[in-house]
């Protein structure tokens, strides 16, 4: 089996204003990096269009319908200070959901070894009834819940190494003992959540924040001391990665100093746990990363690790 790469041109049609960090060039940079000959073995597919029923796995249907109704036919509609909708936003967001769900179907069905859904806008800041932080629908959370409802997964672990804490994923699974949410991120930083004391109703939330200026050593220590033992003990049936690459040293929106090798190491480490507990089943979903060079190189290192390269 091969690694599955899921993309779609609709990701480019979610428009943001000039100077906005979450821009279509992010996806162009990732796609260009993955055109290198070493990625020729990838299985590639366009993301299907997600449905409101899939969105409703983690967001009330009324919330999703209200977002669809708010979409402009032209121009931009502001949702919050930095989250805007264009005419292409809803299709892009639904393709992101569809890509994450399809990745789960292919991996849980044994047709792909693992998968990376490289789509935008990102999703991990989207709470059950709130779009925020560039995010509309929480694709990683929807992927986790879809694995349970459609494929009978009893326990799913969502690992989030985006430099900004995934408040949305944490909120969605706060009182759910069947989903482990484990995050390393910079703190203090937007959105302000993610303290170690935030543990959820059943102790299935694990936060290991990093301080501004920290880098590879501290990141790997947080992974090894705080996250990995909890994932190992949880014995997941699937690992979902919220793969943000804005902890890269080049990124303009944060102050953590990771290199591409750190993302490759984290990927390989999680794959080792997946081999032990869930037949290697890993689904990765793109989140942040706002320096184009850092994003492209980091995503390439991540995918090469998924390919066991």
C-alpha atoms as a PDB file:
ATOM      1  CA  UNK A   1       0.000   0.000   0.000  1.00  0.00           C
ATOM      2  CA  UNK A   2       1.059   3.550  -0.674  1.00  0.00           C
ATOM      3  CA  UNK A   3       0.644   6.932   0.960  1.00  0.00           C
ATOM      4  CA  UNK A   4      -2.403   8.816  -0.312  1.00  0.00           C
ATOM      5  CA  UNK A   5      -2.171  12.553  -1.095  1.00  0.00           C
ATOM      6  CA  UNK A   6      -5.489  14.398  -1.272  1.00  0.00           C
ATOM      7  CA  UNK A   7      -5.751  17.889  -2.766  1.00  0.00           C
ATOM      8  CA  UNK A   8      -8.258  19.904  -4.803  1.00  0.00           C
ATOM      9  CA  UNK A   9      -8.107  23.114  -6.887  1.00  0.00           C
ATOM     10  CA  UNK A  10     -11.047  24.482  -4.880  1.00  0.00           C
ATOM     11  CA  UNK A  11      -8.609  25.097  -2.018  1.00  0.00           C
ATOM     12  CA  UNK A  12      -7.215  27.947  -4.100  1.00  0.00           C
ATOM     13  CA  UNK A  13     -10.606  29.646  -4.465  1.00  0.00           C
ATOM     14  CA  UNK A  14     -10.943  30.558  -0.770  1.00  0.00           C
ATOM     15  CA  UNK A  15      -9.846  34.183  -1.148  1.00  0.00           C
ATOM     16  CA  UNK A  16      -8.334  36.371   1.559  1.00  0.00           C
ATOM     17  CA  UNK A  17      -7.255  40.034   1.403  1.00  0.00           C
ATOM     18  CA  UNK A  18      -3.774  41.052   0.230  1.00  0.00           C
ATOM     19  CA  UNK A  19      -1.272  40.545   3.034  1.00  0.00           C
ATOM     20  CA  UNK A  20      -3.373  37.943   4.841  1.00  0.00           C
ATOM     21  CA  UNK A  21      -1.122  35.061   5.976  1.00  0.00           C
ATOM     22  CA  UNK A  22      -3.655  32.298   5.164  1.00  0.00           C
ATOM     23  CA  UNK A  23      -3.473  32.626   1.397  1.00  0.00           C
ATOM     24  CA  UNK A  24      -3.750  30.413  -1.655  1.00  0.00           C
ATOM     25  CA  UNK A  25       0.009  30.522  -2.225  1.00  0.00           C
ATOM     26  CA  UNK A  26       0.342  28.247   0.810  1.00  0.00           C
ATOM     27  CA  UNK A  27      -1.240  25.382  -1.103  1.00  0.00           C
ATOM     28  CA  UNK A  28       0.680  26.194  -4.252  1.00  0.00           C
ATOM     29  CA  UNK A  29       3.932  25.945  -2.273  1.00  0.00           C
ATOM     30  CA  UNK A  30       2.978  22.570  -0.788  1.00  0.00           C
ATOM     31  CA  UNK A  31       1.806  21.162  -4.116  1.00  0.00           C
ATOM     32  CA  UNK A  32       4.966  22.339  -5.886  1.00  0.00           C
ATOM     33  CA  UNK A  33       7.158  20.719  -3.237  1.00  0.00           C
ATOM     34  CA  UNK A  34       5.283  17.438  -3.621  1.00  0.00           C
ATOM     35  CA  UNK A  35       5.840  17.427  -7.381  1.00  0.00           C
ATOM     36  CA  UNK A  36       9.476  16.476  -6.780  1.00  0.00           C
ATOM     37  CA  UNK A  37      10.398  13.100  -8.281  1.00  0.00           C
ATOM     38  CA  UNK A  38      10.868  11.508  -4.874  1.00  0.00           C
ATOM     39  CA  UNK A  39       7.110  11.815  -4.373  1.00  0.00           C
ATOM     40  CA  UNK A  40       6.256   9.968  -7.595  1.00  0.00           C
ATOM     41  CA  UNK A  41       5.083   6.865  -5.658  1.00  0.00           C
ATOM     42  CA  UNK A  42       2.300   8.823  -3.963  1.00  0.00           C
ATOM     43  CA  UNK A  43      -1.263   7.880  -4.829  1.00  0.00           C
ATOM     44  CA  UNK A  44      -3.009  11.158  -5.659  1.00  0.00           C
ATOM     45  CA  UNK A  45      -6.703  11.991  -5.696  1.00  0.00           C
ATOM     46  CA  UNK A  46      -8.935  15.062  -5.704  1.00  0.00           C
ATOM     47  CA  UNK A  47     -10.846  15.641  -2.489  1.00  0.00           C
ATOM     48  CA  UNK A  48     -14.550  14.838  -2.766  1.00  0.00           C
ATOM     49  CA  UNK A  49     -17.061  17.439  -1.670  1.00  0.00           C
ATOM     50  CA  UNK A  50     -17.932  16.964   1.983  1.00  0.00           C
ATOM     51  CA  UNK A  51     -21.545  16.992   3.087  1.00  0.00           C
ATOM     52  CA  UNK A  52     -23.385  18.863   5.802  1.00  0.00           C
ATOM     53  CA  UNK A  53     -24.122  15.483   7.383  1.00  0.00           C
ATOM     54  CA  UNK A  54     -20.371  14.959   7.721  1.00  0.00           C
ATOM     55  CA  UNK A  55     -19.917  18.462   9.119  1.00  0.00           C
ATOM     56  CA  UNK A  56     -22.702  17.673  11.611  1.00  0.00           C
ATOM     57  CA  UNK A  57     -20.522  14.979  13.172  1.00  0.00           C
ATOM     58  CA  UNK A  58     -18.832  17.822  15.090  1.00  0.00           C
ATOM     59  CA  UNK A  59     -20.849  20.984  14.396  1.00  0.00           C
ATOM     60  CA  UNK A  60     -24.611  21.517  14.862  1.00  0.00           C
ATOM     61  CA  UNK A  61     -26.303  21.476  11.485  1.00  0.00           C
ATOM     62  CA  UNK A  62     -27.813  24.912  12.140  1.00  0.00           C
ATOM     63  CA  UNK A  63     -24.308  26.354  12.555  1.00  0.00           C
ATOM     64  CA  UNK A  64     -23.155  24.836   9.266  1.00  0.00           C
ATOM     65  CA  UNK A  65     -26.262  26.029   7.424  1.00  0.00           C
ATOM     66  CA  UNK A  66     -25.788  29.537   8.812  1.00  0.00           C
ATOM     67  CA  UNK A  67     -22.214  29.631   7.513  1.00  0.00           C
ATOM     68  CA  UNK A  68     -23.352  28.467   4.089  1.00  0.00           C
ATOM     69  CA  UNK A  69     -26.038  31.154   4.077  1.00  0.00           C
ATOM     70  CA  UNK A  70     -23.492  33.811   5.057  1.00  0.00           C
ATOM     71  CA  UNK A  71     -21.214  33.107   2.098  1.00  0.00           C
ATOM     72  CA  UNK A  72     -21.030  36.064  -0.305  1.00  0.00           C
ATOM     73  CA  UNK A  73     -21.533  35.821  -4.054  1.00  0.00           C
ATOM     74  CA  UNK A  74     -18.683  38.284  -4.468  1.00  0.00           C
ATOM     75  CA  UNK A  75     -16.313  40.187  -2.242  1.00  0.00           C
ATOM     76  CA  UNK A  76     -15.541  39.211   1.328  1.00  0.00           C
ATOM     77  CA  UNK A  77     -17.607  38.740   4.484  1.00  0.00           C
ATOM     78  CA  UNK A  78     -15.808  39.120   7.807  1.00  0.00           C
ATOM     79  CA  UNK A  79     -16.509  36.428  10.429  1.00  0.00           C
ATOM     80  CA  UNK A  80     -14.062  37.738  13.018  1.00  0.00           C
ATOM     81  CA  UNK A  81     -10.972  39.956  13.053  1.00  0.00           C
ATOM     82  CA  UNK A  82      -8.930  37.615  10.850  1.00  0.00           C
ATOM     83  CA  UNK A  83     -11.429  35.096   9.449  1.00  0.00           C
ATOM     84  CA  UNK A  84     -13.119  36.021   6.190  1.00  0.00           C
ATOM     85  CA  UNK A  85     -15.361  34.286   3.667  1.00  0.00           C
ATOM     86  CA  UNK A  86     -15.276  34.671  -0.094  1.00  0.00           C
ATOM     87  CA  UNK A  87     -17.449  33.125  -2.789  1.00  0.00           C
ATOM     88  CA  UNK A  88     -15.152  30.086  -2.849  1.00  0.00           C
ATOM     89  CA  UNK A  89     -14.834  29.542   0.892  1.00  0.00           C
ATOM     90  CA  UNK A  90     -17.666  27.075   1.468  1.00  0.00           C
ATOM     91  CA  UNK A  91     -16.630  24.726  -1.329  1.00  0.00           C
ATOM     92  CA  UNK A  92     -13.012  24.885  -0.167  1.00  0.00           C
ATOM     93  CA  UNK A  93     -13.996  24.145   3.436  1.00  0.00           C
ATOM     94  CA  UNK A  94     -16.331  21.324   2.402  1.00  0.00           C
ATOM     95  CA  UNK A  95     -13.628  19.840   0.177  1.00  0.00           C
ATOM     96  CA  UNK A  96     -11.381  19.959   3.248  1.00  0.00           C
ATOM     97  CA  UNK A  97     -13.969  17.979   5.177  1.00  0.00           C
ATOM     98  CA  UNK A  98     -14.465  15.594   2.266  1.00  0.00           C
ATOM     99  CA  UNK A  99     -10.729  15.083   1.892  1.00  0.00           C
ATOM    100  CA  UNK A 100     -10.271  14.262   5.575  1.00  0.00           C
ATOM    101  CA  UNK A 101     -13.239  11.880   5.558  1.00  0.00           C
ATOM    102  CA  UNK A 102     -12.042  10.162   2.380  1.00  0.00           C
ATOM    103  CA  UNK A 103      -8.578   9.795   3.891  1.00  0.00           C
ATOM    104  CA  UNK A 104     -10.146   7.966   6.833  1.00  0.00           C
ATOM    105  CA  UNK A 105     -12.163   5.739   4.503  1.00  0.00           C
ATOM    106  CA  UNK A 106      -9.097   4.745   2.498  1.00  0.00           C
ATOM    107  CA  UNK A 107      -6.858   4.137   5.507  1.00  0.00           C
ATOM    108  CA  UNK A 108      -9.463   2.354   7.636  1.00  0.00           C
ATOM    109  CA  UNK A 109     -10.484   0.337   4.583  1.00  0.00           C
ATOM    110  CA  UNK A 110      -6.930  -0.869   4.037  1.00  0.00           C
ATOM    111  CA  UNK A 111      -6.596   0.724   0.599  1.00  0.00           C
ATOM    112  CA  UNK A 112      -3.905   3.215   1.693  1.00  0.00           C
ATOM    113  CA  UNK A 113      -1.129   2.830   4.238  1.00  0.00           C
ATOM    114  CA  UNK A 114      -1.689   6.385   5.460  1.00  0.00           C
ATOM    115  CA  UNK A 115      -2.861   9.691   4.008  1.00  0.00           C
ATOM    116  CA  UNK A 116      -2.190  13.433   3.932  1.00  0.00           C
ATOM    117  CA  UNK A 117      -5.039  15.791   3.086  1.00  0.00           C
ATOM    118  CA  UNK A 118      -3.371  19.005   1.907  1.00  0.00           C
ATOM    119  CA  UNK A 119      -6.270  21.435   1.876  1.00  0.00           C
ATOM    120  CA  UNK A 120      -7.160  24.920   3.067  1.00  0.00           C
ATOM    121  CA  UNK A 121      -8.682  26.697   4.943  1.00  0.00           C
ATOM    122  CA  UNK A 122      -7.377  24.990   8.091  1.00  0.00           C
ATOM    123  CA  UNK A 123      -9.780  23.726  10.739  1.00  0.00           C
ATOM    124  CA  UNK A 124      -8.440  23.149  14.249  1.00  0.00           C
ATOM    125  CA  UNK A 125      -9.542  26.511  15.683  1.00  0.00           C
ATOM    126  CA  UNK A 126     -13.165  25.925  14.638  1.00  0.00           C
ATOM    127  CA  UNK A 127     -15.222  25.142  17.731  1.00  0.00           C
ATOM    128  CA  UNK A 128     -18.538  23.336  17.575  1.00  0.00           C
ATOM    129  CA  UNK A 129     -20.493  26.571  17.088  1.00  0.00           C
ATOM    130  CA  UNK A 130     -17.787  29.118  16.273  1.00  0.00           C
ATOM    131  CA  UNK A 131     -15.671  29.780  13.180  1.00  0.00           C
ATOM    132  CA  UNK A 132     -12.440  31.566  14.111  1.00  0.00           C
ATOM    133  CA  UNK A 133      -8.698  31.741  13.556  1.00  0.00           C
ATOM    134  CA  UNK A 134      -8.899  31.252   9.751  1.00  0.00           C
ATOM    135  CA  UNK A 135     -11.020  28.100  10.365  1.00  0.00           C
ATOM    136  CA  UNK A 136     -14.628  27.197   9.503  1.00  0.00           C
ATOM    137  CA  UNK A 137     -15.163  23.430   9.848  1.00  0.00           C
ATOM    138  CA  UNK A 138     -12.883  21.263  11.989  1.00  0.00           C
ATOM    139  CA  UNK A 139     -11.777  18.645   9.474  1.00  0.00           C
ATOM    140  CA  UNK A 140      -9.434  16.782  11.835  1.00  0.00           C
ATOM    141  CA  UNK A 141     -12.160  16.424  14.461  1.00  0.00           C
ATOM    142  CA  UNK A 142     -14.671  15.344  11.805  1.00  0.00           C
ATOM    143  CA  UNK A 143     -12.169  12.758  10.556  1.00  0.00           C
ATOM    144  CA  UNK A 144     -11.818  11.331  14.056  1.00  0.00           C
ATOM    145  CA  UNK A 145     -15.560  11.115  14.594  1.00  0.00           C
ATOM    146  CA  UNK A 146     -16.108   9.625  11.121  1.00  0.00           C
ATOM    147  CA  UNK A 147     -13.647   6.849  11.952  1.00  0.00           C
ATOM    148  CA  UNK A 148     -15.828   6.004  14.922  1.00  0.00           C
ATOM    149  CA  UNK A 149     -19.254   6.277  13.325  1.00  0.00           C
ATOM    150  CA  UNK A 150     -18.440   4.747   9.929  1.00  0.00           C
ATOM    151  CA  UNK A 151     -15.628   2.325  10.740  1.00  0.00           C
ATOM    152  CA  UNK A 152     -16.196   1.300  14.344  1.00  0.00           C
ATOM    153  CA  UNK A 153     -13.015   2.807  15.769  1.00  0.00           C
ATOM    154  CA  UNK A 154     -13.388   2.764  19.540  1.00  0.00           C
ATOM    155  CA  UNK A 155     -10.531   5.150  20.373  1.00  0.00           C
ATOM    156  CA  UNK A 156      -8.998   7.844  18.157  1.00  0.00           C
ATOM    157  CA  UNK A 157      -6.006  10.003  19.045  1.00  0.00           C
ATOM    158  CA  UNK A 158      -5.710  13.482  17.510  1.00  0.00           C
ATOM    159  CA  UNK A 159      -2.174  14.858  17.703  1.00  0.00           C
ATOM    160  CA  UNK A 160      -1.741  18.575  17.016  1.00  0.00           C
ATOM    161  CA  UNK A 161       1.703  20.115  16.541  1.00  0.00           C
ATOM    162  CA  UNK A 162       0.522  23.390  14.993  1.00  0.00           C
ATOM    163  CA  UNK A 163       2.214  26.245  16.855  1.00  0.00           C
ATOM    164  CA  UNK A 164      -1.221  27.636  17.780  1.00  0.00           C
ATOM    165  CA  UNK A 165      -3.283  25.552  20.178  1.00  0.00           C
ATOM    166  CA  UNK A 166      -6.226  23.735  18.610  1.00  0.00           C
ATOM    167  CA  UNK A 167      -8.892  25.193  20.853  1.00  0.00           C
ATOM    168  CA  UNK A 168     -11.624  23.940  18.535  1.00  0.00           C
ATOM    169  CA  UNK A 169     -10.588  20.303  18.660  1.00  0.00           C
ATOM    170  CA  UNK A 170     -10.146  20.537  22.413  1.00  0.00           C
ATOM    171  CA  UNK A 171     -13.616  22.041  22.859  1.00  0.00           C
ATOM    172  CA  UNK A 172     -15.292  19.466  20.621  1.00  0.00           C
ATOM    173  CA  UNK A 173     -13.788  16.507  22.515  1.00  0.00           C
ATOM    174  CA  UNK A 174     -13.610  18.054  26.003  1.00  0.00           C
ATOM    175  CA  UNK A 175     -16.033  15.594  27.569  1.00  0.00           C
ATOM    176  CA  UNK A 176     -15.378  12.625  25.265  1.00  0.00           C
ATOM    177  CA  UNK A 177     -13.412   9.737  26.760  1.00  0.00           C
ATOM    178  CA  UNK A 178     -13.129   7.989  23.365  1.00  0.00           C
ATOM    179  CA  UNK A 179     -10.946  10.673  21.736  1.00  0.00           C
ATOM    180  CA  UNK A 180      -7.526  11.710  23.033  1.00  0.00           C
ATOM    181  CA  UNK A 181      -6.460  15.224  22.035  1.00  0.00           C
ATOM    182  CA  UNK A 182      -2.730  15.847  22.532  1.00  0.00           C
ATOM    183  CA  UNK A 183      -1.078  19.125  21.583  1.00  0.00           C
ATOM    184  CA  UNK A 184       2.259  20.859  21.699  1.00  0.00           C
ATOM    185  CA  UNK A 185       2.144  24.557  20.850  1.00  0.00           C
ATOM    186  CA  UNK A 186       3.554  27.941  21.818  1.00  0.00           C
ATOM    187  CA  UNK A 187       2.069  29.602  24.900  1.00  0.00           C
ATOM    188  CA  UNK A 188       1.225  32.374  25.475  1.00  0.00           C
ATOM    189  CA  UNK A 189       0.009  32.820  21.913  1.00  0.00           C
ATOM    190  CA  UNK A 190      -3.287  32.905  20.020  1.00  0.00           C
ATOM    191  CA  UNK A 191      -5.885  31.640  20.876  1.00  0.00           C
ATOM    192  CA  UNK A 192      -4.849  31.696  24.548  1.00  0.00           C
ATOM    193  CA  UNK A 193      -5.888  28.143  25.437  1.00  0.00           C
ATOM    194  CA  UNK A 194      -3.747  25.048  25.924  1.00  0.00           C
ATOM    195  CA  UNK A 195      -2.424  25.162  29.479  1.00  0.00           C
ATOM    196  CA  UNK A 196      -1.359  21.827  31.011  1.00  0.00           C
ATOM    197  CA  UNK A 197      -4.179  22.211  33.542  1.00  0.00           C
ATOM    198  CA  UNK A 198      -6.736  21.908  30.714  1.00  0.00           C
ATOM    199  CA  UNK A 199      -7.296  18.149  30.848  1.00  0.00           C
ATOM    200  CA  UNK A 200     -10.925  17.576  29.840  1.00  0.00           C
ATOM    201  CA  UNK A 201     -13.727  15.865  31.730  1.00  0.00           C
ATOM    202  CA  UNK A 202     -12.052  12.458  31.470  1.00  0.00           C
ATOM    203  CA  UNK A 203      -8.378  13.404  31.407  1.00  0.00           C
ATOM    204  CA  UNK A 204      -8.193  12.831  27.644  1.00  0.00           C
ATOM    205  CA  UNK A 205      -6.840  16.308  26.847  1.00  0.00           C
ATOM    206  CA  UNK A 206      -3.035  16.579  26.970  1.00  0.00           C
ATOM    207  CA  UNK A 207      -1.366  19.966  26.533  1.00  0.00           C
ATOM    208  CA  UNK A 208       2.416  20.398  26.494  1.00  0.00           C
ATOM    209  CA  UNK A 209       3.067  24.077  25.722  1.00  0.00           C
ATOM    210  CA  UNK A 210       6.406  25.485  24.610  1.00  0.00           C
ATOM    211  CA  UNK A 211       7.793  28.937  25.391  1.00  0.00           C
ATOM    212  CA  UNK A 212       8.798  31.526  22.816  1.00  0.00           C
ATOM    213  CA  UNK A 213      12.329  30.929  21.609  1.00  0.00           C
ATOM    214  CA  UNK A 214      12.340  27.194  22.273  1.00  0.00           C
ATOM    215  CA  UNK A 215      13.228  24.734  19.545  1.00  0.00           C
ATOM    216  CA  UNK A 216      14.020  21.155  18.623  1.00  0.00           C
ATOM    217  CA  UNK A 217      15.206  19.910  22.008  1.00  0.00           C
ATOM    218  CA  UNK A 218      12.233  21.261  23.925  1.00  0.00           C
ATOM    219  CA  UNK A 219       9.757  20.104  21.266  1.00  0.00           C
ATOM    220  CA  UNK A 220      11.116  16.566  21.251  1.00  0.00           C
ATOM    221  CA  UNK A 221      11.220  16.477  25.036  1.00  0.00           C
ATOM    222  CA  UNK A 222       7.565  17.591  25.229  1.00  0.00           C
ATOM    223  CA  UNK A 223       6.648  14.922  22.705  1.00  0.00           C
ATOM    224  CA  UNK A 224       8.538  12.160  24.484  1.00  0.00           C
ATOM    225  CA  UNK A 225       7.675  13.050  28.069  1.00  0.00           C
ATOM    226  CA  UNK A 226       4.121  14.373  27.832  1.00  0.00           C
ATOM    227  CA  UNK A 227       2.451  13.214  24.616  1.00  0.00           C
ATOM    228  CA  UNK A 228       3.835   9.831  23.621  1.00  0.00           C
ATOM    229  CA  UNK A 229       3.223   8.006  26.937  1.00  0.00           C
ATOM    230  CA  UNK A 230      -0.402   9.151  26.931  1.00  0.00           C
ATOM    231  CA  UNK A 231      -0.948   8.114  23.304  1.00  0.00           C
ATOM    232  CA  UNK A 232       0.700   4.774  23.968  1.00  0.00           C
ATOM    233  CA  UNK A 233      -1.483   4.111  27.011  1.00  0.00           C
ATOM    234  CA  UNK A 234      -4.619   5.165  25.107  1.00  0.00           C
ATOM    235  CA  UNK A 235      -3.999   2.477  22.453  1.00  0.00           C
ATOM    236  CA  UNK A 236      -5.776   4.266  19.607  1.00  0.00           C
ATOM    237  CA  UNK A 237      -7.431   2.535  16.652  1.00  0.00           C
ATOM    238  CA  UNK A 238      -6.429   5.494  14.450  1.00  0.00           C
ATOM    239  CA  UNK A 239      -4.041   8.432  14.768  1.00  0.00           C
ATOM    240  CA  UNK A 240      -5.117  11.742  13.214  1.00  0.00           C
ATOM    241  CA  UNK A 241      -2.463  14.454  12.905  1.00  0.00           C
ATOM    242  CA  UNK A 242      -3.337  18.143  12.823  1.00  0.00           C
ATOM    243  CA  UNK A 243      -0.225  18.957  10.827  1.00  0.00           C
ATOM    244  CA  UNK A 244       0.515  22.645  11.142  1.00  0.00           C
ATOM    245  CA  UNK A 245       4.016  23.741  10.171  1.00  0.00           C
ATOM    246  CA  UNK A 246       4.062  27.217  11.728  1.00  0.00           C
ATOM    247  CA  UNK A 247       6.408  26.137  14.514  1.00  0.00           C
ATOM    248  CA  UNK A 248       9.125  26.293  11.832  1.00  0.00           C
ATOM    249  CA  UNK A 249      11.829  28.828  12.626  1.00  0.00           C
ATOM    250  CA  UNK A 250      10.986  30.884   9.540  1.00  0.00           C
ATOM    251  CA  UNK A 251       7.295  31.345  10.347  1.00  0.00           C
ATOM    252  CA  UNK A 252       6.203  34.964  10.920  1.00  0.00           C
ATOM    253  CA  UNK A 253       3.262  34.215  13.232  1.00  0.00           C
ATOM    254  CA  UNK A 254       5.119  32.520  16.091  1.00  0.00           C
ATOM    255  CA  UNK A 255       8.421  32.178  17.895  1.00  0.00           C
ATOM    256  CA  UNK A 256       9.303  28.467  17.972  1.00  0.00           C
ATOM    257  CA  UNK A 257      12.424  27.324  16.164  1.00  0.00           C
ATOM    258  CA  UNK A 258      11.712  23.908  14.649  1.00  0.00           C
ATOM    259  CA  UNK A 259      13.356  22.577  11.508  1.00  0.00           C
ATOM    260  CA  UNK A 260      12.024  20.253   8.833  1.00  0.00           C
ATOM    261  CA  UNK A 261      13.790  17.336  10.522  1.00  0.00           C
ATOM    262  CA  UNK A 262      11.690  17.847  13.647  1.00  0.00           C
ATOM    263  CA  UNK A 263       8.460  17.332  11.733  1.00  0.00           C
ATOM    264  CA  UNK A 264       9.905  14.240  10.077  1.00  0.00           C
ATOM    265  CA  UNK A 265      10.947  12.902  13.483  1.00  0.00           C
ATOM    266  CA  UNK A 266       7.519  13.570  14.997  1.00  0.00           C
ATOM    267  CA  UNK A 267       5.854  11.849  12.036  1.00  0.00           C
ATOM    268  CA  UNK A 268       8.091   8.796  12.312  1.00  0.00           C
ATOM    269  CA  UNK A 269       7.540   8.625  16.054  1.00  0.00           C
ATOM    270  CA  UNK A 270       3.766   8.663  15.693  1.00  0.00           C
ATOM    271  CA  UNK A 271       3.990   6.079  12.915  1.00  0.00           C
ATOM    272  CA  UNK A 272       5.837   3.821  15.345  1.00  0.00           C
ATOM    273  CA  UNK A 273       2.965   4.085  17.799  1.00  0.00           C
ATOM    274  CA  UNK A 274       0.482   3.496  14.990  1.00  0.00           C
ATOM    275  CA  UNK A 275       2.388   0.360  13.980  1.00  0.00           C
ATOM    276  CA  UNK A 276       2.126  -0.877  17.555  1.00  0.00           C
ATOM    277  CA  UNK A 277      -1.545  -0.155  18.162  1.00  0.00           C
ATOM    278  CA  UNK A 278      -3.493   0.294  14.918  1.00  0.00           C
ATOM    279  CA  UNK A 279      -1.784  -1.413  11.985  1.00  0.00           C
ATOM    280  CA  UNK A 280      -0.005   1.806  11.020  1.00  0.00           C
ATOM    281  CA  UNK A 281      -3.209   3.760  10.419  1.00  0.00           C
ATOM    282  CA  UNK A 282      -2.385   7.498  10.270  1.00  0.00           C
ATOM    283  CA  UNK A 283      -4.411  10.299   8.677  1.00  0.00           C
ATOM    284  CA  UNK A 284      -2.792  13.728   8.498  1.00  0.00           C
ATOM    285  CA  UNK A 285      -4.637  16.982   7.831  1.00  0.00           C
ATOM    286  CA  UNK A 286      -2.869  20.239   6.945  1.00  0.00           C
ATOM    287  CA  UNK A 287      -3.399  23.084   9.398  1.00  0.00           C
ATOM    288  CA  UNK A 288      -1.158  26.189   9.567  1.00  0.00           C
ATOM    289  CA  UNK A 289       2.214  27.254   8.230  1.00  0.00           C
ATOM    290  CA  UNK A 290       2.632  30.766   6.847  1.00  0.00           C
ATOM    291  CA  UNK A 291       6.185  31.085   5.569  1.00  0.00           C
ATOM    292  CA  UNK A 292       6.036  29.531   2.126  1.00  0.00           C
ATOM    293  CA  UNK A 293       9.543  28.073   2.144  1.00  0.00           C
ATOM    294  CA  UNK A 294       9.260  26.723   5.674  1.00  0.00           C
ATOM    295  CA  UNK A 295       5.819  25.290   4.935  1.00  0.00           C
ATOM    296  CA  UNK A 296       6.872  23.620   1.683  1.00  0.00           C
ATOM    297  CA  UNK A 297      10.013  22.040   3.121  1.00  0.00           C
ATOM    298  CA  UNK A 298       8.265  20.909   6.303  1.00  0.00           C
ATOM    299  CA  UNK A 299       5.279  19.411   4.489  1.00  0.00           C
ATOM    300  CA  UNK A 300       7.674  17.595   2.160  1.00  0.00           C
ATOM    301  CA  UNK A 301       9.598  16.173   5.127  1.00  0.00           C
ATOM    302  CA  UNK A 302       6.315  15.095   6.731  1.00  0.00           C
ATOM    303  CA  UNK A 303       5.070  13.333   3.594  1.00  0.00           C
ATOM    304  CA  UNK A 304       8.422  11.680   2.954  1.00  0.00           C
ATOM    305  CA  UNK A 305       8.268  10.291   6.489  1.00  0.00           C
ATOM    306  CA  UNK A 306       4.729   9.020   5.863  1.00  0.00           C
ATOM    307  CA  UNK A 307       6.114   7.241   2.800  1.00  0.00           C
ATOM    308  CA  UNK A 308       8.674   5.659   5.153  1.00  0.00           C
ATOM    309  CA  UNK A 309      11.380   7.368   3.146  1.00  0.00           C
END
